[in-house]
Amino acid sequence: MDSSALIAIIVQIITGIIGGQAVGAAIQQAAMSQLPKIISGAVGGVAGGTILGSLLGGATTGDPAAGGAAGGALGGLLTNAIGGAGGGAILTAIVGAVMKSMNKA
């Protein structure tokens, strides 16, 4: 594993956790503890960053020669950050909704 791939995953995890925390704070009725928000944010961040990178043509590699739509290392990091935050937020919202419906039963 090269360093650019490792940096991409780290950025996706961190921004996914940030996105998950933001959604968890905004949706108080989910009553999620920190651990589910962190885990779902991190997993969603990696998934979201990977999906967005695939849609943009490999921009998550940070390699301009790879032909990514964002181009360059900065564009790759930006793509990873946006995809990570979005994916973390989405998955945390889904997990929160599931946990809320389970608590009603």
C-alpha atoms as a PDB file:
ATOM      1  CA  MET A   1       0.000   0.000   0.000  1.00  0.00           C
ATOM      2  CA  ASP A   2       1.494   3.310  -1.029  1.00  0.00           C
ATOM      3  CA  SER A   3       1.383   6.435   1.086  1.00  0.00           C
ATOM      4  CA  SER A   4      -1.187   8.262  -1.063  1.00  0.00           C
ATOM      5  CA  ALA A   5      -3.700   5.448  -0.587  1.00  0.00           C
ATOM      6  CA  LEU A   6      -3.076   5.434   3.161  1.00  0.00           C
ATOM      7  CA  ILE A   7      -3.494   9.210   3.379  1.00  0.00           C
ATOM      8  CA  ALA A   8      -6.743   8.953   1.389  1.00  0.00           C
ATOM      9  CA  ILE A   9      -8.149   6.382   3.826  1.00  0.00           C
ATOM     10  CA  ILE A  10      -7.095   8.426   6.858  1.00  0.00           C
ATOM     11  CA  VAL A  11      -8.750  11.558   5.438  1.00  0.00           C
ATOM     12  CA  GLN A  12     -11.920   9.592   4.683  1.00  0.00           C
ATOM     13  CA  ILE A  13     -12.059   8.155   8.215  1.00  0.00           C
ATOM     14  CA  ILE A  14     -11.462  11.505   9.935  1.00  0.00           C
ATOM     15  CA  THR A  15     -13.945  13.436   7.817  1.00  0.00           C
ATOM     16  CA  GLY A  16     -16.448  10.585   8.122  1.00  0.00           C
ATOM     17  CA  ILE A  17     -16.261  10.793  11.896  1.00  0.00           C
ATOM     18  CA  ILE A  18     -16.724  14.571  11.694  1.00  0.00           C
ATOM     19  CA  GLY A  19     -19.757  14.149   9.422  1.00  0.00           C
ATOM     20  CA  GLY A  20     -21.201  11.497  11.727  1.00  0.00           C
ATOM     21  CA  GLN A  21     -20.736  13.682  14.781  1.00  0.00           C
ATOM     22  CA  ALA A  22     -22.415  16.610  13.028  1.00  0.00           C
ATOM     23  CA  VAL A  23     -25.461  14.531  12.127  1.00  0.00           C
ATOM     24  CA  GLY A  24     -25.549  12.998  15.600  1.00  0.00           C
ATOM     25  CA  ALA A  25     -25.569  16.465  17.158  1.00  0.00           C
ATOM     26  CA  ALA A  26     -28.228  17.725  14.755  1.00  0.00           C
ATOM     27  CA  ILE A  27     -30.533  14.753  15.281  1.00  0.00           C
ATOM     28  CA  GLN A  28     -30.857  14.574  19.057  1.00  0.00           C
ATOM     29  CA  GLN A  29     -33.866  12.250  19.043  1.00  0.00           C
ATOM     30  CA  ALA A  30     -31.743   9.338  17.822  1.00  0.00           C
ATOM     31  CA  ALA A  31     -30.158   9.132  21.313  1.00  0.00           C
ATOM     32  CA  MET A  32     -26.989   7.525  19.972  1.00  0.00           C
ATOM     33  CA  SER A  33     -23.936   7.138  22.154  1.00  0.00           C
ATOM     34  CA  GLN A  34     -20.499   8.146  20.905  1.00  0.00           C
ATOM     35  CA  LEU A  35     -19.331   4.678  19.827  1.00  0.00           C
ATOM     36  CA  PRO A  36     -22.034   4.080  17.179  1.00  0.00           C
ATOM     37  CA  LYS A  37     -21.537   7.625  15.843  1.00  0.00           C
ATOM     38  CA  ILE A  38     -17.772   7.124  15.564  1.00  0.00           C
ATOM     39  CA  ILE A  39     -17.969   3.673  13.975  1.00  0.00           C
ATOM     40  CA  SER A  40     -20.749   4.519  11.530  1.00  0.00           C
ATOM     41  CA  GLY A  41     -19.030   7.801  10.645  1.00  0.00           C
ATOM     42  CA  ALA A  42     -15.703   6.091   9.952  1.00  0.00           C
ATOM     43  CA  VAL A  43     -17.218   3.263   7.894  1.00  0.00           C
ATOM     44  CA  GLY A  44     -19.481   5.655   6.025  1.00  0.00           C
ATOM     45  CA  GLY A  45     -16.552   7.987   5.412  1.00  0.00           C
ATOM     46  CA  VAL A  46     -14.458   5.319   3.731  1.00  0.00           C
ATOM     47  CA  ALA A  47     -17.437   4.115   1.711  1.00  0.00           C
ATOM     48  CA  GLY A  48     -18.500   7.621   0.704  1.00  0.00           C
ATOM     49  CA  GLY A  49     -14.982   8.674  -0.247  1.00  0.00           C
ATOM     50  CA  THR A  50     -14.479   5.543  -2.307  1.00  0.00           C
ATOM     51  CA  ILE A  51     -17.822   5.888  -4.090  1.00  0.00           C
ATOM     52  CA  LEU A  52     -17.290   9.574  -4.870  1.00  0.00           C
ATOM     53  CA  GLY A  53     -13.787   8.839  -6.117  1.00  0.00           C
ATOM     54  CA  SER A  54     -15.122   6.117  -8.391  1.00  0.00           C
ATOM     55  CA  LEU A  55     -17.781   8.428  -9.774  1.00  0.00           C
ATOM     56  CA  LEU A  56     -15.201  11.119 -10.498  1.00  0.00           C
ATOM     57  CA  GLY A  57     -12.884   8.707 -12.261  1.00  0.00           C
ATOM     58  CA  GLY A  58     -10.276   7.740  -9.690  1.00  0.00           C
ATOM     59  CA  ALA A  59      -9.656  11.139  -8.120  1.00  0.00           C
ATOM     60  CA  THR A  60      -9.115   9.582  -4.688  1.00  0.00           C
ATOM     61  CA  THR A  61      -5.657   8.360  -5.655  1.00  0.00           C
ATOM     62  CA  GLY A  62      -4.272  11.889  -5.682  1.00  0.00           C
ATOM     63  CA  ASP A  63      -2.258  10.997  -8.770  1.00  0.00           C
ATOM     64  CA  PRO A  64      -2.689  13.456 -11.641  1.00  0.00           C
ATOM     65  CA  ALA A  65      -1.528  10.761 -14.061  1.00  0.00           C
ATOM     66  CA  ALA A  66      -4.512   8.617 -13.022  1.00  0.00           C
ATOM     67  CA  GLY A  67      -6.810  11.000 -14.848  1.00  0.00           C
ATOM     68  CA  GLY A  68      -8.952  11.963 -11.888  1.00  0.00           C
ATOM     69  CA  ALA A  69     -11.610  14.562 -12.564  1.00  0.00           C
ATOM     70  CA  ALA A  70     -10.458  16.776  -9.692  1.00  0.00           C
ATOM     71  CA  GLY A  71      -6.816  16.322 -10.683  1.00  0.00           C
ATOM     72  CA  GLY A  72      -3.747  16.486  -8.483  1.00  0.00           C
ATOM     73  CA  ALA A  73      -3.137  15.665  -4.855  1.00  0.00           C
ATOM     74  CA  LEU A  74      -5.154  18.616  -3.565  1.00  0.00           C
ATOM     75  CA  GLY A  75      -8.154  17.661  -5.681  1.00  0.00           C
ATOM     76  CA  GLY A  76      -7.885  14.078  -4.481  1.00  0.00           C
ATOM     77  CA  LEU A  77      -7.796  15.163  -0.850  1.00  0.00           C
ATOM     78  CA  LEU A  78     -10.772  17.444  -1.385  1.00  0.00           C
ATOM     79  CA  THR A  79     -12.705  14.608  -3.020  1.00  0.00           C
ATOM     80  CA  ASN A  80     -11.819  12.310  -0.120  1.00  0.00           C
ATOM     81  CA  ALA A  81     -12.877  14.922   2.427  1.00  0.00           C
ATOM     82  CA  ILE A  82     -16.211  15.687   0.766  1.00  0.00           C
ATOM     83  CA  GLY A  83     -17.011  12.022   0.147  1.00  0.00           C
ATOM     84  CA  GLY A  84     -15.918  11.067   3.653  1.00  0.00           C
ATOM     85  CA  ALA A  85     -17.996  13.709   5.392  1.00  0.00           C
ATOM     86  CA  GLY A  86     -21.047  12.971   3.256  1.00  0.00           C
ATOM     87  CA  GLY A  87     -20.766   9.224   3.619  1.00  0.00           C
ATOM     88  CA  GLY A  88     -20.217   9.449   7.366  1.00  0.00           C
ATOM     89  CA  ALA A  89     -23.196  11.733   7.782  1.00  0.00           C
ATOM     90  CA  ILE A  90     -25.486   9.553   5.672  1.00  0.00           C
ATOM     91  CA  LEU A  91     -24.558   6.266   7.341  1.00  0.00           C
ATOM     92  CA  THR A  92     -24.789   7.798  10.828  1.00  0.00           C
ATOM     93  CA  ALA A  93     -28.270   9.125  10.014  1.00  0.00           C
ATOM     94  CA  ILE A  94     -29.334   5.671   8.822  1.00  0.00           C
ATOM     95  CA  VAL A  95     -27.907   3.970  11.917  1.00  0.00           C
ATOM     96  CA  GLY A  96     -29.594   6.580  14.135  1.00  0.00           C
ATOM     97  CA  ALA A  97     -32.954   5.981  12.466  1.00  0.00           C
ATOM     98  CA  VAL A  98     -32.594   2.221  12.871  1.00  0.00           C
ATOM     99  CA  MET A  99     -31.595   2.557  16.527  1.00  0.00           C
ATOM    100  CA  LYS A 100     -34.509   4.910  17.163  1.00  0.00           C
ATOM    101  CA  SER A 101     -37.007   2.493  15.605  1.00  0.00           C
ATOM    102  CA  MET A 102     -35.530  -0.394  17.619  1.00  0.00           C
ATOM    103  CA  ASN A 103     -35.964   1.563  20.854  1.00  0.00           C
ATOM    104  CA  LYS A 104     -39.692   2.078  20.127  1.00  0.00           C
ATOM    105  CA  ALA A 105     -40.333  -1.642  19.864  1.00  0.00           C
END
